[in-house]
């Protein structure tokens, strides 16, 4: 037979357990509601992106590229999931780390004339660059203290592309304090000469 004191103790314990169970049930209800209201994570797909900031004009190698999962709605139509489809291609625009490298942002070496390569050039005058287009033939003139006023560094070279050119607002990421990046098709000697003078001369394009 249960005494009055034992009964009161039992009732207190049962009340405590009921409150504990009620708190657990409430917490589970809140968790279920939060899960129901939380949107599902977006669907993703593997995409090839730049492993580090890549300068326009470089020939892409395996370490330049990496694959990440990206929300499908953010993936460009010309993106790739296979880095091998892009290695060996020539990057036509400076690409920040983590940005997709697409088939539209590369150039096949087969598009170049035999014995020619892509040489990056920075022209100081953005206004002059705005009048040239991919496919134009230009001479490249250098001016500097130890070079002279109008030294011809390269003659009759073809403009391959002007990375990130924006016809409505000027130039974007390819424009910097060093000038507007322009990629030209050059012979090995011309590419070497351009690299040698680029840091100590002001370069300008001259349409032929």
Protein backbone atom coordinates (compact mmCIF):
# COMPACT_ATOMS: atom_id res chain seq x y z
CA UNK A 1 0.00 0.00 0.00
CA UNK A 2 1.36 3.44 -0.98
CA UNK A 3 1.52 6.01 1.81
CA UNK A 4 0.38 9.62 1.32
CA UNK A 5 3.98 10.86 1.33
CA UNK A 6 5.08 8.29 -1.25
CA UNK A 7 2.11 9.17 -3.44
CA UNK A 8 2.94 12.88 -3.36
CA UNK A 9 6.57 12.12 -4.23
CA UNK A 10 5.47 9.91 -7.11
CA UNK A 11 3.12 12.58 -8.42
CA UNK A 12 5.89 15.20 -8.26
CA UNK A 13 8.21 12.94 -10.26
CA UNK A 14 5.52 12.26 -12.83
CA UNK A 15 4.85 15.99 -13.14
CA UNK A 16 8.55 16.66 -13.66
CA UNK A 17 8.76 13.99 -16.35
CA UNK A 18 5.66 15.37 -18.07
CA UNK A 19 7.21 18.86 -18.19
CA UNK A 20 10.45 17.40 -19.56
CA UNK A 21 8.58 15.44 -22.21
CA UNK A 22 6.52 18.51 -23.10
CA UNK A 23 9.70 20.59 -23.53
CA UNK A 24 11.22 17.91 -25.75
CA UNK A 25 8.05 17.70 -27.82
CA UNK A 26 8.01 21.50 -28.21
CA UNK A 27 11.66 21.56 -29.29
CA UNK A 28 11.04 18.80 -31.82
CA UNK A 29 8.06 20.71 -33.15
CA UNK A 30 10.13 23.88 -33.59
CA UNK A 31 12.91 21.92 -35.31
CA UNK A 32 10.41 20.32 -37.68
CA UNK A 33 8.93 23.73 -38.49
CA UNK A 34 12.37 25.26 -39.15
CA UNK A 35 13.30 22.36 -41.43
CA UNK A 36 10.02 22.74 -43.29
CA UNK A 37 10.56 26.47 -43.80
CA UNK A 38 14.26 26.20 -44.75
CA UNK A 39 14.61 26.04 -48.55
CA UNK A 40 16.41 23.07 -50.01
CA UNK A 41 20.01 23.78 -51.08
CA UNK A 42 20.28 24.70 -54.78
CA UNK A 43 21.16 22.01 -57.27
CA UNK A 44 24.82 22.16 -58.25
CA UNK A 45 27.00 20.90 -61.08
CA UNK A 46 30.80 20.58 -61.46
CA UNK A 47 32.43 23.50 -63.28
CA UNK A 48 36.02 24.27 -64.28
CA UNK A 49 37.23 27.52 -62.70
CA UNK A 50 40.51 29.40 -62.42
CA UNK A 51 42.63 27.99 -59.58
CA UNK A 52 44.27 31.43 -59.19
CA UNK A 53 44.07 34.74 -61.00
CA UNK A 54 45.10 34.03 -64.58
CA UNK A 55 46.40 36.69 -66.96
CA UNK A 56 45.05 36.88 -70.48
CA UNK A 57 47.39 35.52 -73.12
CA UNK A 58 48.73 32.58 -71.11
CA UNK A 59 48.51 29.00 -72.34
CA UNK A 60 46.46 27.08 -69.79
CA UNK A 61 48.05 24.18 -67.94
CA UNK A 62 46.53 21.63 -65.57
CA UNK A 63 47.52 23.51 -62.34
CA UNK A 64 45.78 26.66 -63.65
CA UNK A 65 42.38 24.98 -63.41
CA UNK A 66 40.27 23.31 -60.76
CA UNK A 67 36.75 21.90 -60.57
CA UNK A 68 34.16 23.15 -58.07
CA UNK A 69 30.45 22.54 -57.54
CA UNK A 70 28.46 25.62 -58.55
CA UNK A 71 24.71 26.34 -58.44
CA UNK A 72 23.28 25.44 -61.83
CA UNK A 73 21.64 28.85 -62.31
CA UNK A 74 25.06 30.55 -62.05
CA UNK A 75 26.85 28.35 -64.58
CA UNK A 76 27.56 29.94 -68.00
CA UNK A 77 26.26 28.05 -71.03
CA UNK A 78 29.79 27.55 -72.37
CA UNK A 79 31.22 26.23 -69.09
CA UNK A 80 32.99 22.88 -68.92
CA UNK A 81 33.25 20.17 -66.28
CA UNK A 82 36.41 18.67 -67.79
CA UNK A 83 39.70 20.60 -67.40
CA UNK A 84 41.34 18.59 -70.19
CA UNK A 85 39.10 20.34 -72.74
CA UNK A 86 40.74 23.66 -71.79
CA UNK A 87 44.38 22.80 -71.10
CA UNK A 88 46.64 23.89 -73.93
CA UNK A 89 44.20 26.64 -74.93
CA UNK A 90 45.11 30.33 -74.84
CA UNK A 91 43.22 32.42 -72.29
CA UNK A 92 41.88 35.58 -73.92
CA UNK A 93 40.92 37.51 -70.78
CA UNK A 94 42.29 37.97 -67.29
CA UNK A 95 40.24 35.64 -65.10
CA UNK A 96 40.01 36.01 -61.30
CA UNK A 97 40.33 33.00 -59.00
CA UNK A 98 37.13 30.97 -58.80
CA UNK A 99 35.59 32.36 -62.01
CA UNK A 100 34.54 29.77 -64.63
CA UNK A 101 36.88 29.32 -67.58
CA UNK A 102 34.65 28.68 -70.58
CA UNK A 103 35.07 27.75 -74.21
CA UNK A 104 34.28 31.38 -75.05
CA UNK A 105 37.22 32.69 -73.01
CA UNK A 106 39.92 30.64 -74.72
CA UNK A 107 41.51 30.53 -78.14
CA UNK A 108 42.87 27.44 -79.83
CA UNK A 109 46.55 27.63 -80.83
CA UNK A 110 45.41 26.26 -84.19
CA UNK A 111 43.73 29.62 -84.83
CA UNK A 112 47.18 31.23 -85.06
CA UNK A 113 49.36 31.36 -88.14
CA UNK A 114 52.26 28.87 -88.15
CA UNK A 115 55.20 30.10 -86.10
CA UNK A 116 53.13 32.76 -84.35
CA UNK A 117 52.08 33.04 -80.71
CA UNK A 118 49.84 35.28 -78.64
CA UNK A 119 51.66 38.18 -76.98
CA UNK A 120 50.01 40.33 -74.31
CA UNK A 121 50.51 44.07 -74.75
CA UNK A 122 49.29 46.95 -72.60
CA UNK A 123 48.54 50.18 -74.44
CA UNK A 124 48.59 53.33 -72.32
CA UNK A 125 45.94 55.26 -74.27
CA UNK A 126 42.51 53.63 -73.89
CA UNK A 127 41.10 56.04 -76.46
CA UNK A 128 43.39 54.63 -79.15
CA UNK A 129 42.48 51.07 -78.21
CA UNK A 130 38.79 51.83 -78.61
CA UNK A 131 39.24 52.31 -82.36
CA UNK A 132 40.84 48.92 -82.98
CA UNK A 133 39.05 45.58 -83.18
CA UNK A 134 39.97 41.92 -83.22
CA UNK A 135 41.38 41.07 -86.65
CA UNK A 136 42.85 44.53 -87.29
CA UNK A 137 46.48 44.77 -88.41
CA UNK A 138 48.57 47.21 -86.40
CA UNK A 139 52.10 48.41 -85.80
CA UNK A 140 53.19 48.75 -82.18
CA UNK A 141 55.13 51.89 -81.33
CA UNK A 142 57.24 52.33 -78.19
CA UNK A 143 58.32 55.60 -76.61
CA UNK A 144 60.65 55.93 -73.64
CA UNK A 145 63.75 57.73 -72.31
CA UNK A 146 66.20 55.07 -73.50
CA UNK A 147 64.25 54.04 -76.60
CA UNK A 148 63.32 57.20 -78.44
CA UNK A 149 59.99 58.78 -79.39
CA UNK A 150 58.69 56.41 -82.08
CA UNK A 151 60.46 53.07 -82.09
CA UNK A 152 58.58 50.37 -84.01
CA UNK A 153 58.62 47.22 -81.88
CA UNK A 154 56.32 45.08 -84.03
CA UNK A 155 54.97 45.58 -87.55
CA UNK A 156 51.79 44.34 -89.16
CA UNK A 157 50.65 42.18 -86.23
CA UNK A 158 47.08 40.95 -85.95
CA UNK A 159 44.92 41.89 -82.97
CA UNK A 160 43.62 38.63 -81.51
CA UNK A 161 41.32 40.12 -78.88
CA UNK A 162 40.95 42.97 -76.43
CA UNK A 163 39.92 41.21 -73.21
CA UNK A 164 36.93 42.57 -71.32
CA UNK A 165 36.38 45.47 -73.72
CA UNK A 166 32.99 47.07 -73.06
CA UNK A 167 31.70 49.18 -75.91
CA UNK A 168 29.28 51.17 -73.75
CA UNK A 169 31.39 52.02 -70.69
CA UNK A 170 35.00 51.81 -71.82
CA UNK A 171 37.18 49.02 -70.49
CA UNK A 172 36.65 46.72 -67.57
CA UNK A 173 38.97 44.37 -65.70
CA UNK A 174 41.59 44.31 -68.46
CA UNK A 175 42.21 48.04 -68.01
CA UNK A 176 44.62 49.03 -65.26
CA UNK A 177 47.19 51.65 -64.34
CA UNK A 178 49.57 49.80 -66.68
CA UNK A 179 47.23 50.23 -69.65
CA UNK A 180 44.62 48.33 -71.61
CA UNK A 181 45.46 44.68 -72.17
CA UNK A 182 45.45 43.68 -75.83
CA UNK A 183 46.46 40.30 -77.23
CA UNK A 184 48.27 40.27 -80.57
CA UNK A 185 49.59 37.53 -82.83
CA UNK A 186 53.36 37.93 -82.97
CA UNK A 187 56.48 36.14 -84.13
CA UNK A 188 58.86 34.83 -81.44
CA UNK A 189 61.22 37.79 -82.02
CA UNK A 190 58.37 40.29 -81.80
CA UNK A 191 57.00 38.66 -78.64
CA UNK A 192 60.45 38.86 -77.04
CA UNK A 193 60.89 42.51 -78.04
CA UNK A 194 57.46 43.41 -76.67
CA UNK A 195 58.21 41.71 -73.36
CA UNK A 196 61.54 43.52 -73.08
CA UNK A 197 60.18 47.04 -73.66
CA UNK A 198 56.81 46.71 -71.92
CA UNK A 199 58.17 47.66 -68.49
CA UNK A 200 60.22 50.66 -69.65
CA UNK A 201 58.25 52.22 -72.48
CA UNK A 202 54.82 53.54 -73.36
CA UNK A 203 53.27 51.39 -76.09
CA UNK A 204 50.74 52.61 -78.64
CA UNK A 205 48.90 50.91 -81.53
CA UNK A 206 49.02 52.30 -85.06
CA UNK A 207 46.40 51.03 -87.50
CA UNK A 208 47.75 50.01 -90.87
